[in-house]
Amino acid sequence: MMLSPPTKLTFRLSLLIAILALVVQFVPQVATYVPVPGFYIALAAFLLLALGNVLRGI
């Protein structure tokens, strides 16, 4: 399987989602407004980055 680097947009979007996951996890005031636990947000960021590596052009 050939891996390709993710596009800049994919990388930045996954980084932004990962930062959101950290904020949701460690700032209690923000966690009340986001109905999803921080773990699942971080998992979505990782999956987006992994798909960006596996699929060409994403």
N, C-alpha and C. Protein backbone atom coordinates (compact mmCIF):
# COMPACT_ATOMS: atom_id res chain seq x y z
N MET A 1 0.85 -1.17 0.00
CA MET A 1 0.00 0.00 0.00
C MET A 1 0.90 1.23 0.00
N MET A 2 0.64 2.11 -0.94
CA MET A 2 1.41 3.36 -1.04
C MET A 2 0.70 4.45 -0.23
N LEU A 3 1.45 5.10 0.62
CA LEU A 3 0.91 6.21 1.39
C LEU A 3 1.31 7.52 0.74
N SER A 4 0.43 8.49 0.85
CA SER A 4 0.73 9.82 0.31
C SER A 4 0.53 10.84 1.43
N PRO A 5 1.25 11.93 1.38
CA PRO A 5 1.06 12.94 2.43
C PRO A 5 -0.31 13.60 2.28
N PRO A 6 -0.93 13.95 3.40
CA PRO A 6 -2.23 14.62 3.30
C PRO A 6 -2.05 16.03 2.74
N THR A 7 -3.12 16.56 2.19
CA THR A 7 -3.06 17.93 1.69
C THR A 7 -2.97 18.89 2.87
N LYS A 8 -2.60 20.11 2.59
CA LYS A 8 -2.49 21.10 3.66
C LYS A 8 -3.83 21.34 4.33
N LEU A 9 -4.89 21.34 3.54
CA LEU A 9 -6.23 21.56 4.09
C LEU A 9 -6.61 20.43 5.05
N THR A 10 -6.35 19.19 4.65
CA THR A 10 -6.67 18.04 5.50
C THR A 10 -5.87 18.09 6.79
N PHE A 11 -4.59 18.41 6.69
CA PHE A 11 -3.76 18.47 7.89
C PHE A 11 -4.23 19.57 8.83
N ARG A 12 -4.51 20.75 8.29
CA ARG A 12 -4.95 21.86 9.13
C ARG A 12 -6.31 21.59 9.75
N LEU A 13 -7.21 20.97 9.01
CA LEU A 13 -8.52 20.65 9.54
C LEU A 13 -8.41 19.62 10.66
N SER A 14 -7.59 18.60 10.49
CA SER A 14 -7.42 17.61 11.55
C SER A 14 -6.74 18.22 12.77
N LEU A 15 -5.82 19.14 12.55
CA LEU A 15 -5.17 19.83 13.66
C LEU A 15 -6.18 20.69 14.43
N LEU A 16 -7.04 21.38 13.71
CA LEU A 16 -8.07 22.20 14.34
C LEU A 16 -9.05 21.34 15.15
N ILE A 17 -9.43 20.19 14.62
CA ILE A 17 -10.33 19.29 15.34
C ILE A 17 -9.63 18.72 16.57
N ALA A 18 -8.35 18.42 16.48
CA ALA A 18 -7.60 17.91 17.64
C ALA A 18 -7.49 18.97 18.73
N ILE A 19 -7.29 20.22 18.34
CA ILE A 19 -7.24 21.30 19.34
C ILE A 19 -8.60 21.46 20.00
N LEU A 20 -9.67 21.35 19.22
CA LEU A 20 -11.01 21.40 19.79
C LEU A 20 -11.22 20.27 20.79
N ALA A 21 -10.70 19.09 20.49
CA ALA A 21 -10.82 17.96 21.41
C ALA A 21 -10.10 18.25 22.72
N LEU A 22 -8.92 18.86 22.65
CA LEU A 22 -8.20 19.21 23.87
C LEU A 22 -8.96 20.24 24.70
N VAL A 23 -9.52 21.22 24.02
CA VAL A 23 -10.28 22.26 24.73
C VAL A 23 -11.50 21.65 25.40
N VAL A 24 -12.21 20.78 24.69
CA VAL A 24 -13.40 20.15 25.26
C VAL A 24 -13.02 19.27 26.44
N GLN A 25 -11.89 18.60 26.35
CA GLN A 25 -11.47 17.69 27.42
C GLN A 25 -11.03 18.42 28.68
N PHE A 26 -10.35 19.55 28.54
CA PHE A 26 -9.72 20.17 29.69
C PHE A 26 -10.34 21.49 30.15
N VAL A 27 -11.31 22.02 29.43
CA VAL A 27 -11.98 23.25 29.85
C VAL A 27 -13.44 22.90 30.13
N PRO A 28 -13.83 22.83 31.40
CA PRO A 28 -15.18 22.37 31.74
C PRO A 28 -16.29 23.28 31.21
N GLN A 29 -16.03 24.57 31.08
CA GLN A 29 -17.07 25.48 30.60
C GLN A 29 -17.43 25.19 29.14
N VAL A 30 -16.47 24.79 28.35
CA VAL A 30 -16.72 24.50 26.93
C VAL A 30 -17.41 23.15 26.79
N ALA A 31 -17.10 22.23 27.67
CA ALA A 31 -17.66 20.88 27.58
C ALA A 31 -19.17 20.87 27.74
N THR A 32 -19.72 21.88 28.40
CA THR A 32 -21.18 21.92 28.56
C THR A 32 -21.88 22.25 27.24
N TYR A 33 -21.19 22.90 26.32
CA TYR A 33 -21.80 23.29 25.05
C TYR A 33 -21.59 22.27 23.93
N VAL A 34 -20.65 21.36 24.11
CA VAL A 34 -20.35 20.36 23.09
C VAL A 34 -20.87 19.01 23.59
N PRO A 35 -21.83 18.40 22.88
CA PRO A 35 -22.45 17.17 23.39
C PRO A 35 -21.60 15.91 23.21
N VAL A 36 -20.46 16.01 22.54
CA VAL A 36 -19.63 14.84 22.25
C VAL A 36 -18.39 14.87 23.15
N PRO A 37 -18.03 13.75 23.77
CA PRO A 37 -16.80 13.72 24.59
C PRO A 37 -15.55 14.01 23.76
N GLY A 38 -14.54 14.55 24.41
CA GLY A 38 -13.30 14.92 23.74
C GLY A 38 -12.61 13.75 23.07
N PHE A 39 -12.76 12.55 23.62
CA PHE A 39 -12.12 11.38 23.03
C PHE A 39 -12.63 11.14 21.61
N TYR A 40 -13.93 11.24 21.42
CA TYR A 40 -14.50 10.99 20.10
C TYR A 40 -14.14 12.09 19.10
N ILE A 41 -13.97 13.30 19.58
CA ILE A 41 -13.53 14.38 18.70
C ILE A 41 -12.09 14.13 18.27
N ALA A 42 -11.24 13.70 19.21
CA ALA A 42 -9.85 13.38 18.87
C ALA A 42 -9.78 12.18 17.93
N LEU A 43 -10.65 11.22 18.12
CA LEU A 43 -10.70 10.07 17.23
C LEU A 43 -11.08 10.49 15.81
N ALA A 44 -12.02 11.42 15.68
CA ALA A 44 -12.40 11.93 14.36
C ALA A 44 -11.23 12.65 13.70
N ALA A 45 -10.46 13.40 14.48
CA ALA A 45 -9.29 14.10 13.93
C ALA A 45 -8.25 13.10 13.44
N PHE A 46 -8.03 12.05 14.21
CA PHE A 46 -7.06 11.03 13.80
C PHE A 46 -7.52 10.30 12.55
N LEU A 47 -8.80 9.95 12.50
CA LEU A 47 -9.31 9.24 11.32
C LEU A 47 -9.23 10.11 10.07
N LEU A 48 -9.50 11.40 10.21
CA LEU A 48 -9.37 12.30 9.07
C LEU A 48 -7.92 12.35 8.58
N LEU A 49 -6.98 12.43 9.50
CA LEU A 49 -5.57 12.46 9.12
C LEU A 49 -5.13 11.13 8.52
N ALA A 50 -5.62 10.02 9.07
CA ALA A 50 -5.28 8.71 8.52
C ALA A 50 -5.84 8.54 7.11
N LEU A 51 -7.07 8.99 6.89
CA LEU A 51 -7.64 8.92 5.55
C LEU A 51 -6.87 9.80 4.58
N GLY A 52 -6.39 10.93 5.07
CA GLY A 52 -5.58 11.80 4.23
C GLY A 52 -4.27 11.15 3.80
N ASN A 53 -3.76 10.24 4.61
CA ASN A 53 -2.53 9.52 4.26
C ASN A 53 -2.80 8.34 3.32
N VAL A 54 -3.90 7.67 3.53
CA VAL A 54 -4.19 6.45 2.76
C VAL A 54 -4.76 6.78 1.39
N LEU A 55 -5.68 7.73 1.33
CA LEU A 55 -6.34 8.06 0.06
C LEU A 55 -5.61 9.21 -0.62
N ARG A 56 -5.36 9.06 -1.87
CA ARG A 56 -4.64 10.09 -2.62
C ARG A 56 -5.58 11.25 -2.94
N GLY A 57 -5.09 12.46 -2.73
CA GLY A 57 -5.85 13.65 -3.07
C GLY A 57 -6.73 14.20 -1.97
N ILE A 58 -6.75 13.56 -0.83
CA ILE A 58 -7.58 14.04 0.29
C ILE A 58 -6.69 14.74 1.28
